[in-house]
Amino acid sequence: MSVASVGAVVLDCPDPRALAGFYAAVVGGTVEGEGRWVDLRVPGGPVLSFQEAPGYVPPRWPETDRSQQFHLDLTVQDLDAAEKEVLALGAKPLDTGDSSRDFRVYADPAGHPFCLCAC
């Protein structure tokens, strides 16, 4: 028996509403809230929450002096199609050059690393 269950995955960021909107466009769901805390409720998935962090400094992947802290793996059917969509939404490519792999690494608009995976 577990001690707890996951209530939400929380990402610090400079603009919670904007980052929630980015992820809503990528994974779907409903954005709820305003101000310093915004939730993205994804059907059948965990709640992603976005918390305003004054002085936020994004991680730098893969540098060890500013570690990624965590990342999201997002499963997709077609890496090329999904890549076009996340780039159009404001993602930045971090490690996308090896087309033989079944994943590619990006940064969201606040700098958090995430992977698109055709796993």
N, C-alpha and C. Protein backbone atom coordinates (compact mmCIF):
# COMPACT_ATOMS: atom_id res chain seq x y z
N MET A 1 0.84 -1.18 0.00
CA MET A 1 0.00 0.00 0.00
C MET A 1 0.88 1.24 0.00
N SER A 2 0.51 2.24 -0.80
CA SER A 2 1.31 3.45 -0.88
C SER A 2 0.96 4.41 0.25
N VAL A 3 1.88 5.26 0.55
CA VAL A 3 1.69 6.28 1.57
C VAL A 3 0.92 7.47 1.01
N ALA A 4 1.14 7.76 -0.27
CA ALA A 4 0.52 8.94 -0.88
C ALA A 4 0.26 8.68 -2.36
N SER A 5 -0.44 9.59 -2.97
CA SER A 5 -0.62 9.56 -4.42
C SER A 5 -0.19 10.91 -4.97
N VAL A 6 0.09 10.95 -6.24
CA VAL A 6 0.53 12.19 -6.87
C VAL A 6 -0.68 13.11 -7.01
N GLY A 7 -0.57 14.30 -6.41
CA GLY A 7 -1.63 15.29 -6.54
C GLY A 7 -1.42 16.17 -7.75
N ALA A 8 -0.16 16.56 -7.99
CA ALA A 8 0.17 17.41 -9.13
C ALA A 8 1.67 17.41 -9.33
N VAL A 9 2.07 17.70 -10.54
CA VAL A 9 3.47 17.99 -10.85
C VAL A 9 3.53 19.50 -11.01
N VAL A 10 4.40 20.17 -10.25
CA VAL A 10 4.43 21.62 -10.21
C VAL A 10 5.70 22.15 -10.85
N LEU A 11 5.54 23.09 -11.77
CA LEU A 11 6.67 23.72 -12.44
C LEU A 11 6.76 25.18 -12.03
N ASP A 12 7.90 25.60 -11.54
CA ASP A 12 8.14 27.02 -11.30
C ASP A 12 8.34 27.71 -12.64
N CYS A 13 7.91 28.95 -12.74
CA CYS A 13 8.03 29.68 -14.01
C CYS A 13 7.76 31.16 -13.78
N PRO A 14 8.10 32.01 -14.75
CA PRO A 14 7.81 33.43 -14.59
C PRO A 14 6.36 33.81 -14.88
N ASP A 15 5.64 33.04 -15.73
CA ASP A 15 4.28 33.38 -16.13
C ASP A 15 3.43 32.11 -16.16
N PRO A 16 2.77 31.79 -15.03
CA PRO A 16 2.02 30.54 -14.93
C PRO A 16 0.95 30.36 -16.00
N ARG A 17 0.20 31.38 -16.30
CA ARG A 17 -0.89 31.25 -17.28
C ARG A 17 -0.34 30.95 -18.66
N ALA A 18 0.74 31.63 -19.04
CA ALA A 18 1.33 31.41 -20.37
C ALA A 18 1.89 30.00 -20.50
N LEU A 19 2.59 29.52 -19.46
CA LEU A 19 3.17 28.18 -19.55
C LEU A 19 2.08 27.11 -19.51
N ALA A 20 1.04 27.32 -18.73
CA ALA A 20 -0.09 26.38 -18.73
C ALA A 20 -0.73 26.34 -20.12
N GLY A 21 -0.83 27.48 -20.76
CA GLY A 21 -1.38 27.53 -22.12
C GLY A 21 -0.53 26.77 -23.12
N PHE A 22 0.80 26.88 -22.98
CA PHE A 22 1.71 26.13 -23.84
C PHE A 22 1.45 24.63 -23.69
N TYR A 23 1.44 24.14 -22.45
CA TYR A 23 1.26 22.70 -22.24
C TYR A 23 -0.16 22.25 -22.60
N ALA A 24 -1.16 23.10 -22.43
CA ALA A 24 -2.52 22.75 -22.85
C ALA A 24 -2.56 22.55 -24.36
N ALA A 25 -1.82 23.37 -25.10
CA ALA A 25 -1.78 23.20 -26.55
C ALA A 25 -1.03 21.93 -26.95
N VAL A 26 -0.09 21.49 -26.12
CA VAL A 26 0.69 20.29 -26.42
C VAL A 26 -0.05 19.02 -26.02
N VAL A 27 -0.60 18.96 -24.79
CA VAL A 27 -1.18 17.72 -24.28
C VAL A 27 -2.69 17.76 -24.08
N GLY A 28 -3.32 18.91 -24.31
CA GLY A 28 -4.76 19.04 -24.09
C GLY A 28 -5.05 19.41 -22.66
N GLY A 29 -6.31 19.38 -22.31
CA GLY A 29 -6.70 19.68 -20.95
C GLY A 29 -7.31 21.06 -20.80
N THR A 30 -7.63 21.37 -19.55
CA THR A 30 -8.30 22.62 -19.21
C THR A 30 -7.44 23.42 -18.25
N VAL A 31 -7.19 24.68 -18.61
CA VAL A 31 -6.42 25.58 -17.75
C VAL A 31 -7.38 26.23 -16.76
N GLU A 32 -7.00 26.18 -15.48
CA GLU A 32 -7.83 26.76 -14.42
C GLU A 32 -6.97 27.65 -13.53
N GLY A 33 -7.49 28.80 -13.19
CA GLY A 33 -6.83 29.69 -12.26
C GLY A 33 -6.17 30.87 -12.93
N GLU A 34 -5.79 31.81 -12.10
CA GLU A 34 -5.12 33.04 -12.53
C GLU A 34 -4.07 33.38 -11.49
N GLY A 35 -3.22 34.31 -11.83
CA GLY A 35 -2.27 34.81 -10.85
C GLY A 35 -1.06 33.91 -10.67
N ARG A 36 -0.68 33.71 -9.42
CA ARG A 36 0.58 33.03 -9.10
C ARG A 36 0.52 31.52 -9.21
N TRP A 37 -0.67 30.93 -9.32
CA TRP A 37 -0.82 29.47 -9.39
C TRP A 37 -1.89 29.13 -10.41
N VAL A 38 -1.54 28.30 -11.39
CA VAL A 38 -2.48 27.89 -12.43
C VAL A 38 -2.37 26.38 -12.60
N ASP A 39 -3.51 25.71 -12.73
CA ASP A 39 -3.53 24.26 -12.94
C ASP A 39 -3.92 23.93 -14.37
N LEU A 40 -3.35 22.85 -14.88
CA LEU A 40 -3.77 22.26 -16.14
C LEU A 40 -4.29 20.87 -15.81
N ARG A 41 -5.58 20.68 -15.98
CA ARG A 41 -6.21 19.39 -15.71
C ARG A 41 -6.29 18.62 -17.02
N VAL A 42 -5.55 17.52 -17.06
CA VAL A 42 -5.44 16.70 -18.26
C VAL A 42 -6.31 15.46 -18.06
N PRO A 43 -7.29 15.21 -18.94
CA PRO A 43 -8.13 14.03 -18.77
C PRO A 43 -7.29 12.75 -18.73
N GLY A 44 -7.51 11.96 -17.69
CA GLY A 44 -6.81 10.68 -17.56
C GLY A 44 -5.35 10.81 -17.18
N GLY A 45 -4.89 12.01 -16.87
CA GLY A 45 -3.49 12.21 -16.53
C GLY A 45 -3.34 13.01 -15.25
N PRO A 46 -2.11 13.27 -14.86
CA PRO A 46 -1.88 14.04 -13.65
C PRO A 46 -2.19 15.52 -13.88
N VAL A 47 -2.43 16.24 -12.81
CA VAL A 47 -2.57 17.69 -12.88
C VAL A 47 -1.16 18.28 -13.02
N LEU A 48 -1.00 19.17 -13.98
CA LEU A 48 0.22 19.95 -14.08
C LEU A 48 -0.09 21.32 -13.51
N SER A 49 0.69 21.76 -12.53
CA SER A 49 0.49 23.06 -11.91
C SER A 49 1.68 23.95 -12.21
N PHE A 50 1.41 25.23 -12.31
CA PHE A 50 2.43 26.20 -12.67
C PHE A 50 2.41 27.30 -11.62
N GLN A 51 3.57 27.51 -11.00
CA GLN A 51 3.69 28.43 -9.87
C GLN A 51 4.63 29.56 -10.25
N GLU A 52 4.18 30.79 -10.03
CA GLU A 52 5.05 31.93 -10.31
C GLU A 52 6.24 31.92 -9.36
N ALA A 53 7.41 32.09 -9.91
CA ALA A 53 8.64 32.10 -9.12
C ALA A 53 9.41 33.38 -9.45
N PRO A 54 9.30 34.40 -8.60
CA PRO A 54 10.07 35.62 -8.85
C PRO A 54 11.57 35.29 -8.89
N GLY A 55 12.26 35.87 -9.83
CA GLY A 55 13.69 35.59 -9.98
C GLY A 55 13.98 34.25 -10.60
N TYR A 56 12.98 33.65 -11.23
CA TYR A 56 13.14 32.33 -11.86
C TYR A 56 14.33 32.32 -12.82
N VAL A 57 15.16 31.31 -12.70
CA VAL A 57 16.28 31.08 -13.60
C VAL A 57 16.09 29.70 -14.22
N PRO A 58 15.93 29.62 -15.54
CA PRO A 58 15.66 28.31 -16.16
C PRO A 58 16.88 27.39 -16.08
N PRO A 59 16.62 26.09 -16.03
CA PRO A 59 17.72 25.13 -16.11
C PRO A 59 18.37 25.19 -17.48
N ARG A 60 19.59 24.70 -17.56
CA ARG A 60 20.28 24.60 -18.86
C ARG A 60 20.62 23.15 -19.09
N TRP A 61 19.98 22.58 -20.05
CA TRP A 61 20.22 21.18 -20.38
C TRP A 61 21.31 21.11 -21.42
N PRO A 62 22.29 20.27 -21.29
CA PRO A 62 22.55 19.27 -20.25
C PRO A 62 23.62 19.70 -19.26
N GLU A 63 23.79 20.99 -19.04
CA GLU A 63 24.85 21.48 -18.15
C GLU A 63 24.61 21.05 -16.71
N THR A 64 25.67 20.59 -16.06
CA THR A 64 25.55 20.07 -14.70
C THR A 64 25.50 21.17 -13.65
N ASP A 65 26.00 22.37 -13.97
CA ASP A 65 25.98 23.44 -12.97
C ASP A 65 24.60 24.08 -12.83
N ARG A 66 23.72 23.87 -13.80
CA ARG A 66 22.32 24.32 -13.70
C ARG A 66 21.46 23.18 -14.21
N SER A 67 21.31 22.16 -13.37
CA SER A 67 20.67 20.91 -13.78
C SER A 67 19.22 21.13 -14.20
N GLN A 68 18.71 20.14 -14.95
CA GLN A 68 17.34 20.23 -15.45
C GLN A 68 16.30 20.05 -14.34
N GLN A 69 16.67 19.54 -13.19
CA GLN A 69 15.80 19.38 -12.03
C GLN A 69 14.73 18.31 -12.25
N PHE A 70 14.08 18.29 -13.36
CA PHE A 70 13.12 17.26 -13.74
C PHE A 70 12.81 17.51 -15.21
N HIS A 71 12.15 16.57 -15.85
CA HIS A 71 11.63 16.83 -17.20
C HIS A 71 10.42 15.96 -17.45
N LEU A 72 9.64 16.34 -18.45
CA LEU A 72 8.46 15.58 -18.84
C LEU A 72 8.78 14.79 -20.10
N ASP A 73 8.38 13.53 -20.14
CA ASP A 73 8.41 12.73 -21.35
C ASP A 73 7.00 12.68 -21.91
N LEU A 74 6.81 13.19 -23.12
CA LEU A 74 5.50 13.25 -23.74
C LEU A 74 5.49 12.29 -24.92
N THR A 75 4.61 11.30 -24.87
CA THR A 75 4.56 10.26 -25.89
C THR A 75 3.78 10.77 -27.11
N VAL A 76 4.35 10.56 -28.30
CA VAL A 76 3.72 10.99 -29.55
C VAL A 76 3.76 9.85 -30.56
N GLN A 77 2.90 9.92 -31.57
CA GLN A 77 2.88 8.92 -32.63
C GLN A 77 3.90 9.25 -33.72
N ASP A 78 4.06 10.53 -34.04
CA ASP A 78 4.91 10.96 -35.16
C ASP A 78 5.82 12.08 -34.66
N LEU A 79 7.11 11.78 -34.49
CA LEU A 79 8.05 12.77 -33.96
C LEU A 79 8.14 14.01 -34.84
N ASP A 80 8.22 13.83 -36.15
CA ASP A 80 8.36 14.97 -37.04
C ASP A 80 7.15 15.91 -36.95
N ALA A 81 5.97 15.35 -36.97
CA ALA A 81 4.75 16.17 -36.90
C ALA A 81 4.66 16.86 -35.54
N ALA A 82 4.93 16.13 -34.47
CA ALA A 82 4.86 16.70 -33.13
C ALA A 82 5.90 17.80 -32.96
N GLU A 83 7.09 17.60 -33.53
CA GLU A 83 8.14 18.61 -33.43
C GLU A 83 7.67 19.92 -34.08
N LYS A 84 7.10 19.84 -35.25
CA LYS A 84 6.61 21.05 -35.93
C LYS A 84 5.61 21.79 -35.05
N GLU A 85 4.75 21.05 -34.40
CA GLU A 85 3.71 21.67 -33.58
C GLU A 85 4.29 22.34 -32.33
N VAL A 86 5.19 21.65 -31.61
CA VAL A 86 5.72 22.26 -30.39
C VAL A 86 6.62 23.45 -30.71
N LEU A 87 7.34 23.41 -31.82
CA LEU A 87 8.16 24.56 -32.21
C LEU A 87 7.27 25.75 -32.55
N ALA A 88 6.16 25.50 -33.22
CA ALA A 88 5.22 26.58 -33.55
C ALA A 88 4.60 27.18 -32.29
N LEU A 89 4.51 26.38 -31.22
CA LEU A 89 3.95 26.86 -29.96
C LEU A 89 4.97 27.60 -29.09
N GLY A 90 6.24 27.57 -29.49
CA GLY A 90 7.25 28.31 -28.74
C GLY A 90 8.33 27.48 -28.09
N ALA A 91 8.34 26.17 -28.30
CA ALA A 91 9.40 25.32 -27.76
C ALA A 91 10.71 25.63 -28.48
N LYS A 92 11.82 25.36 -27.81
CA LYS A 92 13.15 25.53 -28.40
C LYS A 92 13.82 24.16 -28.47
N PRO A 93 14.42 23.80 -29.61
CA PRO A 93 15.11 22.51 -29.69
C PRO A 93 16.39 22.52 -28.84
N LEU A 94 16.62 21.43 -28.11
CA LEU A 94 17.84 21.29 -27.32
C LEU A 94 18.72 20.17 -27.87
N ASP A 95 18.11 19.04 -28.18
CA ASP A 95 18.86 17.89 -28.68
C ASP A 95 17.95 17.12 -29.62
N THR A 96 17.95 17.52 -30.88
CA THR A 96 17.01 16.96 -31.84
C THR A 96 17.69 16.41 -33.08
N GLY A 97 19.02 16.41 -33.12
CA GLY A 97 19.73 16.09 -34.35
C GLY A 97 19.85 14.63 -34.71
N ASP A 98 19.75 13.72 -33.77
CA ASP A 98 19.95 12.29 -34.05
C ASP A 98 18.62 11.64 -34.42
N SER A 99 18.35 11.53 -35.71
CA SER A 99 17.06 11.01 -36.16
C SER A 99 16.92 9.50 -35.97
N SER A 100 17.98 8.81 -35.53
CA SER A 100 17.89 7.37 -35.30
C SER A 100 17.28 7.06 -33.92
N ARG A 101 17.22 8.06 -33.03
CA ARG A 101 16.65 7.85 -31.70
C ARG A 101 15.13 7.98 -31.73
N ASP A 102 14.48 7.42 -30.72
CA ASP A 102 13.03 7.51 -30.63
C ASP A 102 12.59 8.65 -29.71
N PHE A 103 13.46 9.63 -29.46
CA PHE A 103 13.09 10.79 -28.65
C PHE A 103 13.88 12.01 -29.11
N ARG A 104 13.34 13.19 -28.78
CA ARG A 104 14.00 14.47 -29.04
C ARG A 104 13.76 15.37 -27.83
N VAL A 105 14.73 16.24 -27.55
CA VAL A 105 14.68 17.07 -26.35
C VAL A 105 14.46 18.54 -26.74
N TYR A 106 13.55 19.18 -26.01
CA TYR A 106 13.19 20.58 -26.25
C TYR A 106 13.15 21.31 -24.91
N ALA A 107 13.05 22.64 -24.97
CA ALA A 107 12.76 23.44 -23.79
C ALA A 107 11.41 24.12 -24.02
N ASP A 108 10.59 24.16 -22.97
CA ASP A 108 9.34 24.89 -23.06
C ASP A 108 9.64 26.39 -23.03
N PRO A 109 8.65 27.26 -23.18
CA PRO A 109 8.93 28.69 -23.21
C PRO A 109 9.59 29.25 -21.94
N ALA A 110 9.47 28.56 -20.81
CA ALA A 110 10.13 29.00 -19.58
C ALA A 110 11.48 28.33 -19.39
N GLY A 111 11.89 27.46 -20.32
CA GLY A 111 13.21 26.84 -20.25
C GLY A 111 13.27 25.45 -19.67
N HIS A 112 12.13 24.88 -19.24
CA HIS A 112 12.14 23.51 -18.70
C HIS A 112 12.35 22.52 -19.83
N PRO A 113 13.27 21.57 -19.69
CA PRO A 113 13.43 20.54 -20.70
C PRO A 113 12.23 19.58 -20.72
N PHE A 114 11.87 19.13 -21.92
CA PHE A 114 10.88 18.07 -22.06
C PHE A 114 11.26 17.26 -23.30
N CYS A 115 10.82 16.01 -23.34
CA CYS A 115 11.12 15.12 -24.46
C CYS A 115 9.83 14.75 -25.18
N LEU A 116 9.91 14.71 -26.49
CA LEU A 116 8.90 14.05 -27.29
C LEU A 116 9.43 12.65 -27.55
N CYS A 117 8.64 11.65 -27.23
CA CYS A 117 9.08 10.26 -27.33
C CYS A 117 8.12 9.46 -28.20
N ALA A 118 8.65 8.77 -29.17
CA ALA A 118 7.87 7.81 -29.96
C ALA A 118 8.26 6.42 -29.46
N CYS A 119 8.01 6.20 -28.19
CA CYS A 119 8.47 4.98 -27.50
C CYS A 119 7.38 3.92 -27.48
